[in-house]
Each structure stands twice: as C-alpha cells, then as structure tokens.
Protein backbone atom coordinates (compact mmCIF):
# COMPACT_ATOMS: atom_id res chain seq x y z
CA MET A 1 0.00 -0.23 0.02
CA ALA A 2 1.37 3.31 -1.21
CA ASP A 3 2.22 5.84 1.41
CA HIS A 4 0.42 8.52 -1.00
CA ASP A 5 -2.83 6.67 -0.36
CA ILE A 6 -2.46 6.68 3.38
CA ALA A 7 -1.77 10.37 3.35
CA LEU A 8 -4.66 11.17 1.42
CA MET A 9 -6.88 9.14 3.58
CA ALA A 10 -5.23 10.90 6.50
CA HIS A 11 -6.13 14.30 4.82
CA LEU A 12 -9.64 13.06 4.15
CA MET A 13 -10.31 11.96 7.85
CA ARG A 14 -8.91 15.14 9.29
CA ARG A 15 -11.22 17.18 7.01
CA ALA A 16 -14.37 14.83 7.01
CA GLY A 17 -14.10 13.90 10.46
CA PHE A 18 -12.02 14.54 13.71
CA GLY A 19 -8.85 12.57 12.47
CA ALA A 20 -7.85 8.67 12.95
CA GLN A 21 -5.11 6.37 14.23
CA TYR A 22 -2.87 4.93 11.66
CA GLU A 23 -4.34 1.65 11.92
CA GLU A 24 -7.48 2.88 10.84
CA LEU A 25 -5.88 4.95 8.06
CA GLU A 26 -4.31 1.72 6.72
CA ALA A 27 -7.73 0.11 6.87
CA ARG A 28 -9.45 2.62 5.07
CA ALA A 29 -6.88 3.12 2.23
CA ALA A 30 -7.03 -0.65 1.45
CA LYS A 31 -10.94 -0.26 1.20
CA GLY A 32 -10.09 2.73 -1.12
CA TYR A 33 -10.90 6.50 -1.04
CA GLU A 34 -14.04 6.29 -3.11
CA ALA A 35 -15.33 3.68 -0.97
CA THR A 36 -14.44 5.49 2.00
CA VAL A 37 -16.02 8.67 0.90
CA ALA A 38 -19.33 6.86 -0.10
CA GLU A 39 -19.41 5.57 3.73
CA LEU A 40 -18.69 9.07 5.17
CA LEU A 41 -21.57 10.57 3.12
CA ASN A 42 -23.96 7.69 3.97
CA PRO A 43 -23.74 7.86 7.58
CA GLU A 44 -26.88 5.89 8.37
CA ASP A 45 -25.19 2.68 7.18
CA ASN A 46 -22.91 2.88 10.53
CA PRO A 47 -24.12 2.83 14.21
CA HIS A 48 -23.69 6.21 15.76
CA GLY A 49 -22.80 4.71 19.33
CA MET A 50 -24.17 5.68 22.72
CA ASP A 51 -27.44 7.20 23.02
CA LEU A 52 -27.86 10.33 25.26
CA ASP A 53 -30.14 8.56 28.03
CA LEU A 54 -27.59 5.68 28.37
CA ALA A 55 -24.67 8.17 28.39
CA GLU A 56 -26.38 10.16 31.40
CA ARG A 57 -26.49 6.80 33.26
CA TYR A 58 -22.73 6.33 32.66
CA PHE A 59 -21.68 9.78 33.15
CA ILE A 60 -23.37 10.51 36.53
CA GLU A 61 -21.50 13.53 37.30
CA TRP A 62 -23.02 15.27 34.24
CA SER A 63 -25.08 18.30 35.42
CA HIS A 64 -28.94 17.81 36.08
CA PHE A 65 -29.58 20.80 34.33
CA THR A 66 -27.23 20.58 31.49
CA ARG A 67 -28.22 16.81 31.01
CA GLY A 68 -24.62 16.39 29.76
CA VAL A 69 -25.52 17.64 26.36
CA PRO A 70 -22.36 19.61 25.50
CA GLU A 71 -20.26 16.76 26.85
CA TYR A 72 -22.44 14.18 25.13
CA PHE A 73 -21.80 16.11 21.81
CA ALA A 74 -18.17 16.08 22.33
CA PHE A 75 -18.31 12.24 23.05
CA ARG A 76 -19.79 11.61 19.87
CA MET A 77 -17.40 13.50 17.82
CA ILE A 78 -14.72 10.93 19.70
CA ASN A 79 -16.35 7.91 19.27
CA SER A 80 -19.22 7.98 16.49
CA ARG A 81 -18.29 5.83 13.45
CA ARG A 82 -20.55 8.49 11.60
CA GLN A 83 -17.49 10.97 11.57
CA LEU A 84 -18.83 13.32 8.71
CA GLU A 85 -22.30 13.53 10.31
CA GLU A 86 -20.71 15.03 13.41
CA LYS A 87 -18.37 17.15 11.55
CA MET A 88 -21.41 18.47 9.60
CA VAL A 89 -23.43 19.12 12.80
CA LEU A 90 -20.33 21.29 13.99
CA PHE A 91 -20.20 23.05 10.57
CA TRP A 92 -24.34 23.96 10.94
CA HIS A 93 -23.75 24.79 14.54
CA GLY A 94 -21.33 27.32 13.50
CA ILE A 95 -23.49 28.84 10.70
CA LEU A 96 -27.17 28.64 12.01
CA CYS A 97 -25.99 29.86 15.38
CA THR A 98 -27.90 29.65 18.74
CA ALA A 99 -26.56 30.23 22.15
CA ASP A 100 -27.29 28.55 25.36
CA SER A 101 -26.12 31.90 27.09
CA LYS A 102 -29.64 33.08 25.85
CA THR A 103 -31.79 30.26 25.50
CA GLN A 104 -30.71 28.35 28.64
CA SER A 105 -32.60 25.28 27.63
CA TYR A 106 -29.99 22.37 26.93
CA PRO A 107 -33.05 19.86 26.09
CA THR A 108 -34.04 22.45 23.40
CA SER A 109 -30.52 22.70 21.87
CA TYR A 110 -30.12 19.29 21.79
CA ASP A 111 -33.21 18.84 19.62
CA GLU A 112 -31.68 21.33 17.46
CA ILE A 113 -28.35 19.22 17.19
CA GLU A 114 -30.38 16.15 16.61
CA MET A 115 -32.16 18.23 13.75
CA PHE A 116 -28.63 18.85 12.18
CA ARG A 117 -27.97 15.32 12.25
CA LYS A 118 -31.05 14.47 10.45
CA TYR A 119 -31.19 17.17 7.73
CA GLY A 120 -27.50 18.35 7.78
CA LEU A 121 -26.44 16.37 4.40
CA GLY A 122 -29.68 16.82 2.72
CA SER A 123 -31.49 19.68 1.06
CA PHE A 124 -30.57 23.16 1.96
CA ARG A 125 -33.86 24.21 1.42
CA ASP A 126 -35.38 21.59 3.93
CA LEU A 127 -32.72 22.46 6.37
CA LEU A 128 -33.79 26.13 6.43
CA VAL A 129 -37.16 25.38 6.93
CA GLN A 130 -36.24 23.28 9.92
CA ILE A 131 -34.17 25.84 11.41
CA SER A 132 -37.24 28.22 11.02
CA LYS A 133 -39.23 25.94 12.94
CA ASP A 134 -36.44 25.28 15.47
CA PRO A 135 -37.54 26.40 18.98
CA ALA A 136 -34.10 27.31 20.19
CA MET A 137 -33.76 29.46 17.02
CA ILE A 138 -37.20 31.06 17.12
CA PHE A 139 -36.26 32.10 20.91
CA PHE A 140 -32.67 33.07 20.15
CA LEU A 141 -33.81 35.47 17.45
CA ASP A 142 -36.94 36.61 18.69
CA ASN A 143 -39.50 35.32 16.25
CA CYS A 144 -41.76 34.53 19.19
CA LEU A 145 -42.09 38.17 19.72
CA SER A 146 -42.89 38.94 16.14
CA HIS A 147 -46.54 39.42 15.47
CA LYS A 148 -49.03 40.27 12.92
CA GLY A 149 -48.94 44.20 12.65
CA ALA A 150 -45.80 44.23 14.83
CA ILE A 151 -43.22 42.46 13.35
CA ASN A 152 -39.62 41.67 14.88
CA GLU A 153 -36.88 41.81 12.35
CA ASN A 154 -34.13 39.73 13.80
CA TYR A 155 -34.83 36.42 12.43
CA GLY A 156 -35.61 37.56 8.82
CA ARG A 157 -32.54 39.59 8.86
CA GLU A 158 -30.26 36.94 10.10
CA LEU A 159 -31.91 34.24 7.64
CA LEU A 160 -30.67 36.61 4.80
CA GLU A 161 -27.61 38.21 5.95
CA LEU A 162 -26.05 35.10 7.91
CA PHE A 163 -27.95 31.76 7.31
CA SER A 164 -28.68 31.75 3.60
CA MET A 165 -27.30 34.36 1.13
CA GLY A 166 -25.08 36.92 2.82
CA VAL A 167 -25.11 40.61 2.49
CA GLY A 168 -23.73 40.50 -1.15
CA LYS A 169 -21.90 39.00 -3.95
CA ASP A 170 -19.44 40.43 -6.54
CA GLY A 171 -19.92 43.87 -4.94
CA GLU A 172 -23.66 44.11 -5.16
CA PHE A 173 -26.19 43.76 -2.35
CA ASN A 174 -28.40 40.47 -2.29
CA TYR A 175 -31.45 42.09 -0.68
CA THR A 176 -32.86 45.38 0.60
CA GLU A 177 -34.49 46.43 3.98
CA ASP A 178 -37.79 45.98 2.35
CA ASP A 179 -36.92 42.39 1.73
CA VAL A 180 -36.19 41.99 5.33
CA LYS A 181 -39.33 43.19 6.46
CA GLU A 182 -41.35 41.47 4.12
CA CYS A 183 -39.30 38.27 5.15
CA ALA A 184 -40.05 39.13 8.86
CA ARG A 185 -43.75 39.44 7.95
CA ALA A 186 -43.88 35.93 6.25
CA PHE A 187 -42.62 34.28 9.38
CA THR A 188 -45.27 35.66 11.88
CA GLY A 189 -47.03 32.98 13.79
CA TRP A 190 -44.14 30.74 13.67
CA THR A 191 -43.70 30.52 17.55
CA ILE A 192 -43.03 28.21 20.44
CA SER A 193 -44.84 26.69 23.15
CA ASN A 194 -43.49 27.72 26.71
CA ASN A 195 -40.70 25.82 28.23
CA VAL A 196 -41.42 23.83 31.36
CA PRO A 197 -40.19 25.38 34.33
CA GLY A 198 -36.64 24.22 35.23
CA GLN A 199 -37.81 23.31 38.74
CA PRO A 200 -38.21 20.67 40.24
CA TYR A 201 -37.50 18.10 37.43
CA GLY A 202 -35.20 20.20 34.89
CA ARG A 203 -36.42 21.60 31.86
CA TYR A 204 -38.09 19.91 29.00
CA SER A 205 -37.55 21.02 25.25
CA ALA A 206 -39.71 23.53 23.88
CA LYS A 207 -42.12 22.95 20.83
CA PHE A 208 -42.65 24.78 17.41
CA VAL A 209 -46.17 26.05 17.26
CA TYR A 210 -47.77 27.79 14.17
CA ASN A 211 -50.45 30.33 15.09
CA PRO A 212 -52.36 31.12 12.06
CA ASP A 213 -54.31 34.03 13.77
CA ASP A 214 -50.84 35.64 14.33
CA HIS A 215 -49.68 35.24 10.73
CA ASP A 216 -49.59 38.20 8.58
CA ASP A 217 -51.47 36.84 5.53
CA GLY A 218 -51.26 40.02 3.13
CA ILE A 219 -49.41 40.10 0.04
CA LYS A 220 -45.74 40.60 0.11
CA THR A 221 -43.11 41.29 -2.34
CA PHE A 222 -39.81 39.47 -1.80
CA LEU A 223 -36.79 39.45 -3.89
CA GLY A 224 -38.81 40.70 -6.83
CA GLU A 225 -41.55 38.02 -6.34
CA THR A 226 -45.21 38.92 -5.18
CA GLY A 227 -47.72 36.83 -3.54
CA ASN A 228 -49.43 35.74 -0.30
CA PHE A 229 -46.28 34.40 1.17
CA ASN A 230 -45.50 32.16 4.38
CA GLY A 231 -42.33 31.17 5.70
CA GLU A 232 -41.67 28.12 3.37
CA ASP A 233 -42.61 30.27 0.36
CA ILE A 234 -39.74 32.74 1.52
CA VAL A 235 -37.17 29.64 1.91
CA ASP A 236 -38.32 28.59 -1.54
CA ILE A 237 -37.34 31.85 -2.97
CA ILE A 238 -33.99 32.02 -1.01
CA ALA A 239 -33.03 28.48 -2.06
CA LYS A 240 -32.99 29.16 -5.88
CA GLN A 241 -30.82 32.35 -5.50
CA PRO A 242 -27.42 32.50 -7.22
CA ALA A 243 -26.42 34.14 -4.03
CA THR A 244 -27.38 31.27 -2.03
CA ALA A 245 -25.49 28.83 -4.05
CA ARG A 246 -22.38 31.16 -3.59
CA PHE A 247 -22.87 31.53 0.07
CA ILE A 248 -23.07 27.63 1.04
CA SER A 249 -20.21 26.79 -1.61
CA ARG A 250 -17.97 29.40 0.17
CA HIS A 251 -19.06 27.91 3.63
CA LEU A 252 -18.20 24.38 2.60
CA TYR A 253 -14.94 25.34 0.82
CA THR A 254 -13.76 27.32 4.02
CA TYR A 255 -14.63 24.35 6.15
CA PHE A 256 -13.25 21.54 4.29
CA VAL A 257 -10.59 22.99 1.94
CA ALA A 258 -8.71 25.95 2.68
CA ASP A 259 -9.19 29.17 5.35
CA GLU A 260 -10.87 31.97 3.46
CA ALA A 261 -11.74 35.50 4.32
CA GLN A 262 -14.23 35.75 7.06
CA VAL A 263 -18.00 35.96 5.92
CA PRO A 264 -18.46 39.93 6.41
CA ALA A 265 -16.02 40.33 3.83
CA TRP A 266 -17.43 38.05 1.19
CA MET A 267 -19.42 40.67 -0.76
CA ASP A 268 -16.04 42.65 -1.54
CA THR A 269 -13.75 39.86 -1.57
CA PRO A 270 -13.81 37.04 -4.28
CA PRO A 271 -13.36 33.43 -3.72
CA GLN A 272 -9.52 32.39 -3.78
CA ASP A 273 -10.61 29.48 -5.91
CA PRO A 274 -13.29 30.71 -7.98
CA ASP A 275 -13.31 27.46 -10.26
CA THR A 276 -14.11 25.03 -7.36
CA ILE A 277 -16.56 27.64 -5.99
CA LYS A 278 -18.37 27.61 -9.48
CA MET A 279 -18.26 23.74 -9.53
CA LEU A 280 -19.96 23.52 -6.08
CA GLU A 281 -22.37 26.27 -7.23
CA ASP A 282 -23.45 24.24 -10.23
CA GLU A 283 -23.94 20.87 -8.14
CA TYR A 284 -26.09 22.94 -5.63
CA PHE A 285 -28.43 23.68 -8.56
CA ARG A 286 -27.99 20.31 -10.44
CA SER A 287 -28.79 18.18 -7.20
CA GLY A 288 -31.66 20.35 -6.06
CA TYR A 289 -29.68 22.22 -3.40
CA ASN A 290 -28.38 18.78 -1.78
CA ILE A 291 -25.47 19.19 0.67
CA ARG A 292 -24.36 15.64 0.41
CA ALA A 293 -24.23 16.04 -3.56
CA MET A 294 -21.92 18.92 -3.11
CA LEU A 295 -19.58 17.16 -0.70
CA ARG A 296 -19.16 14.16 -2.79
CA VAL A 297 -18.08 16.60 -5.70
CA LEU A 298 -15.76 18.27 -3.47
CA PHE A 299 -14.15 15.39 -1.70
CA HIS A 300 -13.30 14.02 -5.24
CA SER A 301 -12.11 17.29 -6.47
CA ASP A 302 -8.35 17.99 -7.01
CA ALA A 303 -8.80 21.10 -5.16
CA PHE A 304 -9.75 19.17 -1.86
CA LYS A 305 -7.23 16.39 -2.39
CA ASN A 306 -4.33 18.79 -2.99
CA ALA A 307 -5.27 21.23 -0.03
CA ARG A 308 -3.38 19.56 2.73
CA PHE A 309 -2.30 21.61 5.91
CA THR A 310 -4.25 24.74 4.23
CA ARG A 311 -6.78 25.19 7.19
CA VAL A 312 -5.90 26.21 10.90
CA LYS A 313 -7.57 23.58 13.10
CA SER A 314 -10.59 24.82 15.28
CA PRO A 315 -10.19 24.06 18.97
CA VAL A 316 -12.62 21.57 18.59
CA GLU A 317 -10.73 19.94 15.99
CA THR A 318 -7.82 20.11 18.05
CA VAL A 319 -9.08 18.53 20.81
CA MET A 320 -11.16 15.82 19.46
CA GLY A 321 -8.36 14.99 17.08
CA THR A 322 -5.84 14.52 19.77
CA LEU A 323 -8.35 12.18 21.81
CA ARG A 324 -9.06 10.16 18.71
CA LEU A 325 -5.34 9.95 17.96
CA VAL A 326 -4.21 8.61 21.49
CA GLY A 327 -7.23 6.59 21.97
CA ASP A 328 -8.61 8.08 25.25
CA TRP A 329 -12.45 8.62 26.39
CA GLN A 330 -13.29 5.60 24.02
CA GLU A 331 -15.42 4.49 27.14
CA PRO A 332 -17.27 6.64 29.87
CA LYS A 333 -15.22 7.42 32.94
CA PRO A 334 -15.41 10.35 35.08
CA GLY A 335 -13.95 13.69 34.40
CA PHE A 336 -15.02 14.50 30.94
CA GLU A 337 -15.99 18.14 31.85
CA PHE A 338 -12.35 19.01 31.69
CA ILE A 339 -12.38 18.17 27.96
CA PHE A 340 -15.41 20.56 27.30
CA ASP A 341 -13.55 23.31 29.29
CA GLU A 342 -10.38 23.11 27.32
CA MET A 343 -12.13 23.74 24.16
CA LYS A 344 -13.78 26.72 25.86
CA HIS A 345 -10.06 27.87 26.92
CA MET A 346 -8.73 27.64 23.31
CA GLY A 347 -11.68 29.93 22.07
CA GLN A 348 -14.68 27.41 21.16
CA GLU A 349 -17.16 26.67 23.65
CA LEU A 350 -19.82 24.40 22.07
CA PHE A 351 -23.35 25.66 22.46
CA ASN A 352 -22.18 29.41 23.02
CA PRO A 353 -20.69 30.95 19.77
CA PRO A 354 -19.82 34.49 20.53
CA SER A 355 -22.60 35.94 18.36
CA VAL A 356 -25.10 34.97 15.79
CA GLU A 357 -22.24 35.38 13.31
CA GLY A 358 -20.68 32.18 14.77
CA TRP A 359 -16.82 32.03 15.31
CA HIS A 360 -14.20 33.61 13.02
CA THR A 361 -12.22 30.82 11.80
CA GLY A 362 -8.70 30.63 10.35
CA ARG A 363 -5.72 32.35 11.93
CA GLU A 364 -8.39 34.11 14.31
CA TRP A 365 -8.19 30.85 16.37
CA ILE A 366 -4.85 31.80 17.43
CA ASP A 367 -3.35 34.09 19.95
CA GLY A 368 -1.12 34.08 22.64
CA GLY A 369 -3.31 32.49 25.33
CA THR A 370 -5.05 30.21 23.24
CA LEU A 371 -1.74 28.55 21.53
CA VAL A 372 -0.41 27.84 24.71
CA HIS A 373 -3.61 26.26 25.83
CA ARG A 374 -3.76 24.21 22.42
CA ILE A 375 -0.11 23.22 22.63
CA ASN A 376 -0.26 22.19 26.39
CA PHE A 377 -3.51 20.10 26.03
CA THR A 378 -2.13 18.19 22.81
CA ALA A 379 1.34 17.71 24.59
CA ASP A 380 -0.13 16.45 27.58
CA PHE A 381 -1.82 13.61 25.90
CA VAL A 382 0.59 12.63 23.32
CA GLY A 383 3.42 12.46 26.03
CA ASP A 384 1.34 9.81 27.92
CA VAL A 385 2.95 6.64 27.10
CA ASN A 386 0.06 4.71 28.61
CA GLN A 387 -2.45 6.09 26.06
CA PRO A 388 -3.25 3.05 23.73
CA GLY A 389 -2.45 5.21 20.46
CA VAL A 390 0.79 6.65 21.87
CA ARG A 391 1.86 2.91 22.85
CA GLU A 392 0.90 1.90 19.18
CA ILE A 393 3.10 4.52 17.77
CA ILE A 394 5.98 3.50 20.01
CA ASN A 395 5.67 -0.18 18.91
CA ARG A 396 5.50 0.81 15.14
CA LEU A 397 8.78 2.70 15.51
CA ALA A 398 10.36 -0.10 17.50
CA ASP A 399 9.39 -2.59 14.59
CA ARG A 400 11.79 -0.89 12.36
CA GLY A 401 14.75 -2.49 14.19
CA PRO A 402 17.12 -2.23 17.13
CA VAL A 403 18.47 1.00 16.23
CA ILE A 404 16.79 4.25 14.20
CA SER A 405 18.47 7.27 13.13
CA PRO A 406 17.18 10.55 14.51
CA GLU A 407 16.08 11.52 10.90
CA ASP A 408 14.12 8.21 10.30
CA MET A 409 12.63 8.70 13.78
CA VAL A 410 11.43 12.13 12.88
CA ASN A 411 9.97 11.22 9.65
CA ASP A 412 8.29 7.90 10.76
CA THR A 413 6.73 9.65 13.57
CA CYS A 414 5.17 12.43 11.41
CA ARG A 415 3.97 9.58 9.16
CA LEU A 416 2.29 7.81 11.94
CA LEU A 417 0.66 11.28 13.23
CA GLY A 418 -1.02 11.13 9.94
CA HIS A 419 1.68 11.98 7.45
CA TYR A 420 2.16 15.60 8.90
CA GLU A 421 4.46 17.71 6.87
CA LEU A 422 7.01 19.65 8.36
CA ALA A 423 9.52 22.20 7.00
CA ASP A 424 13.00 21.07 6.43
CA GLU A 425 14.43 23.57 9.06
CA THR A 426 11.91 22.09 11.53
CA ARG A 427 12.80 18.47 10.84
CA GLN A 428 16.47 19.24 11.23
CA MET A 429 16.08 20.82 14.34
CA LEU A 430 14.05 17.88 15.69
CA ALA A 431 16.72 15.27 14.63
CA ALA A 432 19.36 17.24 16.21
CA SER A 433 17.43 17.25 19.44
CA LEU A 434 17.21 13.66 19.25
CA ALA A 435 20.79 13.13 18.47
CA LYS A 436 21.78 15.03 21.61
CA GLY A 437 20.32 12.06 23.71
CA GLY A 438 22.64 9.57 22.25
CA ALA A 439 21.79 6.54 19.92
CA LEU A 440 18.07 5.81 19.46
CA ARG A 441 17.89 2.14 20.59
CA THR A 442 14.41 0.57 20.22
CA ASP A 443 15.15 -2.19 22.88
CA THR A 444 16.01 0.21 25.64
CA ALA A 445 13.93 1.11 28.69
CA ASP A 446 13.92 4.92 27.72
CA PHE A 447 12.85 4.57 24.29
CA ALA A 448 9.01 5.09 24.83
CA ALA A 449 10.04 8.19 26.89
CA ARG A 450 12.09 9.44 23.94
CA VAL A 451 9.39 8.97 21.72
CA SER A 452 6.90 10.86 23.69
CA GLU A 453 9.33 13.63 24.03
CA LEU A 454 9.42 13.69 20.21
CA LEU A 455 5.82 13.70 20.04
CA GLN A 456 5.53 16.61 22.18
CA MET A 457 7.84 18.63 20.34
CA ILE A 458 6.16 17.86 17.02
CA VAL A 459 2.79 18.87 18.18
CA ALA A 460 4.38 22.25 19.45
CA THR A 461 5.61 23.12 15.94
CA LYS A 462 3.89 25.83 13.83
CA GLU A 463 3.02 23.15 11.20
CA TYR A 464 1.04 21.18 13.57
CA ILE A 465 -1.70 23.79 13.94
CA TYR A 466 -2.72 23.19 10.56
CA ALA A 467 -4.81 20.33 9.22
C-alpha cells in the first residue's frame, strides 16, 4: 500500500471527520478512497454509538440541568463511526447559530443538534425550513416576539444575512431592507410553546407552534416576487437564488478545503478558488440544493485532495483529533467536563458561539493565550505513554529494528501522526535534538520516553496547527 494513499486518507479523515489512528488509515486506504467517501456520506449505514439517555447513566456526574448535552456532543465526535455526520453538525452549529447563554435550555438545544444530524446532509432548502421551525432559533432570534402588525426583524434579517445569502456577492447587495421586512412578515405566527419550568425536574424542550391567527397573510413582495407568502414560500425563493449557491459553496470550501476571508468580507472579496466555488454552485442547482451531492463533488476534486494543511485547526478539531489519536475517552469515565472546558479555553465553547455570526476561523483561532492552551493540551496527551494510541506509535517505531536514526525517527513519527509535513528546518531541528540524547535504541527502557518527547515537540511546531 503506497504512502500516498494513506496520506490522502489521513487528509480526508482530518477534514471529513476528526482524524484517525494509523491503523484505521491503513484499513481505509485498503478499502479505497471512493468507498470511504461513500461511507462517510451515508452515515445511516453505521451505528452512531451511545444514545444520550444511556450516556447520562454512565456519566452520573453530568449536571442535572445541562443533561450532559455539551459533553455528549463532544463524546460522539470522538467515538461515533459517523464522523462526517458529527463534523457537519459542528459545521451547521457554527453557521445557523444559537447560544445557551440566551436560550438556557439544553434539552431544546439538543433537539436542534439532532435536527442537524437528520437534515445536515440533505436539502439546504429543507434545512432552512427546519431551522425556521427550531424552538431554540425562534427564541434566540426573537421570532416568538414577532406578530402580525408588529414584526420583529431579527430572524428575517439573520436568515438573509448570515444563514442563506449573505449581504452581497461580487460587490452587489443581495437584498434590501424592504426584503428583510417582508421576510419577517412571512414568518409571523411561527412561534413556540412555553418551556416547562426548570424546577423541580429540570427543563423539557420547547416545541414549535404555528399560530395562524398571528400570521400576516397579506400580499408581500420579496426578492422581486409577489404573493401571499408564508415562511416556506420565503425559503423556496431564497433557495433558488445564485447568491445562496455562492454562500453555501464558500462555507463548504472554507470548512473543508482552505481558510478563506471571514464572512462579513465576502461581498467585496472574491473566492480565492473561483473554479471550485463555481463547481459547487453548479452542483447545488443540479442536485436540487443537496449538501451530500456537493460534498461528494468536493471530496473527489483535485482542489480538495491537494489542499493539505491549508486550514488552521479549530479548538474542537484540535481536542477531538488529539483524543482520537491517543485513543482516550473511548469508554465513559469520570472527568469529561475537563475536555469540554479545554475547548472553551482555546476559544470555542460548544453551544455558546460568541454571536449569531458564529466563530471567526482560520488564523483568528490563534493568539498568545489560546496557542499555549492548545499546545499544552495536545502535548500532555501525546506525552502519555500509557495511552493506547501513543503505545501503538512506539511499537511501530520499534518494529524498524534495534537502532533508528534521528532523521528516520522524525520522518516515521510524522507519518504515524497522519503524514504531517514539516519544513526542512523544523525536521533538522527535531533530529538534532534527538541526536543529543545519544543512539536511539528501540530495545532500551527509555525508548518510549524519547518517543513521547518527540511527539510533544512535533505537536508544539507551527506546522501542527494546520489540518
């Protein structure tokens, strides 16, 4: 099996999942790239792992009021065989944003995450309908306060600006203030039932309610079309706009291929890879707005295959990728809240994006404080020789023979981490550091410690920030 095939598989699993150990990469490479892409795109063919109600019985320390929802989301990222499904849940969570800091109802947020799992790889049109009916979103953007004759524009504005079209494309505005108002009118009557009070049993999830008596059923003009529109009519009009195809294509490119400009700059900043964006736009319309079809085209494209290490890993990707690499938290045990808190300290708190705009990505993930957290967390785990994934790396290196050169040690360790690419200067520095410790004999008691030290040095390099 060629190293090239395994390196490509490592790239796919970093982007379409949260990484994989070398043994899994070998198995997937033997299965083939096309077959692996097909498996990832059809998650229903694999078990997802532990259900929330069972997880709550194992993780008895989870908060009564959070129900362990944030921790459960993270636990599934580590262990679910449906890696792309979980990656897409995180994708939509960062675009169709709600935050528990306002909703304060984890059961309702959990229902939203389950909705992303169900609709996140399907029709974008259907997903927009579902998020418009999502109780967490209705409360978060105040659509429950929008009434016939007294509209609240919050949801209508964000639906256009941040969820579907963007402010503009190619220097032109995509919609007007009148379109925002007409959109808000169409969604009047889309509201929620009251939450069950938090005491004494904890919250139950809120439910969507349509109140026809509060719906503005007058004639509306939206994006150049006129009619007695309701919310679904609005979504139908949005879904067929070229701006919508561009918007979702750029999001997919940024998330899976390479860091782009931040969303607020998209009106006046053209895509860095217009050919790939155009290919995705064409598939958006050809497939009937189908996200799975767009991803299939993307994963098989040369643009994707050749874009290794062109994205800064998010905090969630950093933490989940580390835990999958070392093989920790594959079974329930106390203390998982620490993992959730580490992502927050690195700048990404699940269920609490900083605003409705979501997280700024790319290099904006990195500053002096978050970089230290990211390096310390990763180094602590890869430096633990008792972790099964670390032990597997040690054993594979030892299989090379009784003595290994510093240069081969660095090269092979990078390969076992998922074919990470280091600059020549970085490789030479690491090899020189190893050489100072004397001959690298694999049959000595200190070999495992020297491997763990090398792993810690590699994950502290600037190259390891990228996926």
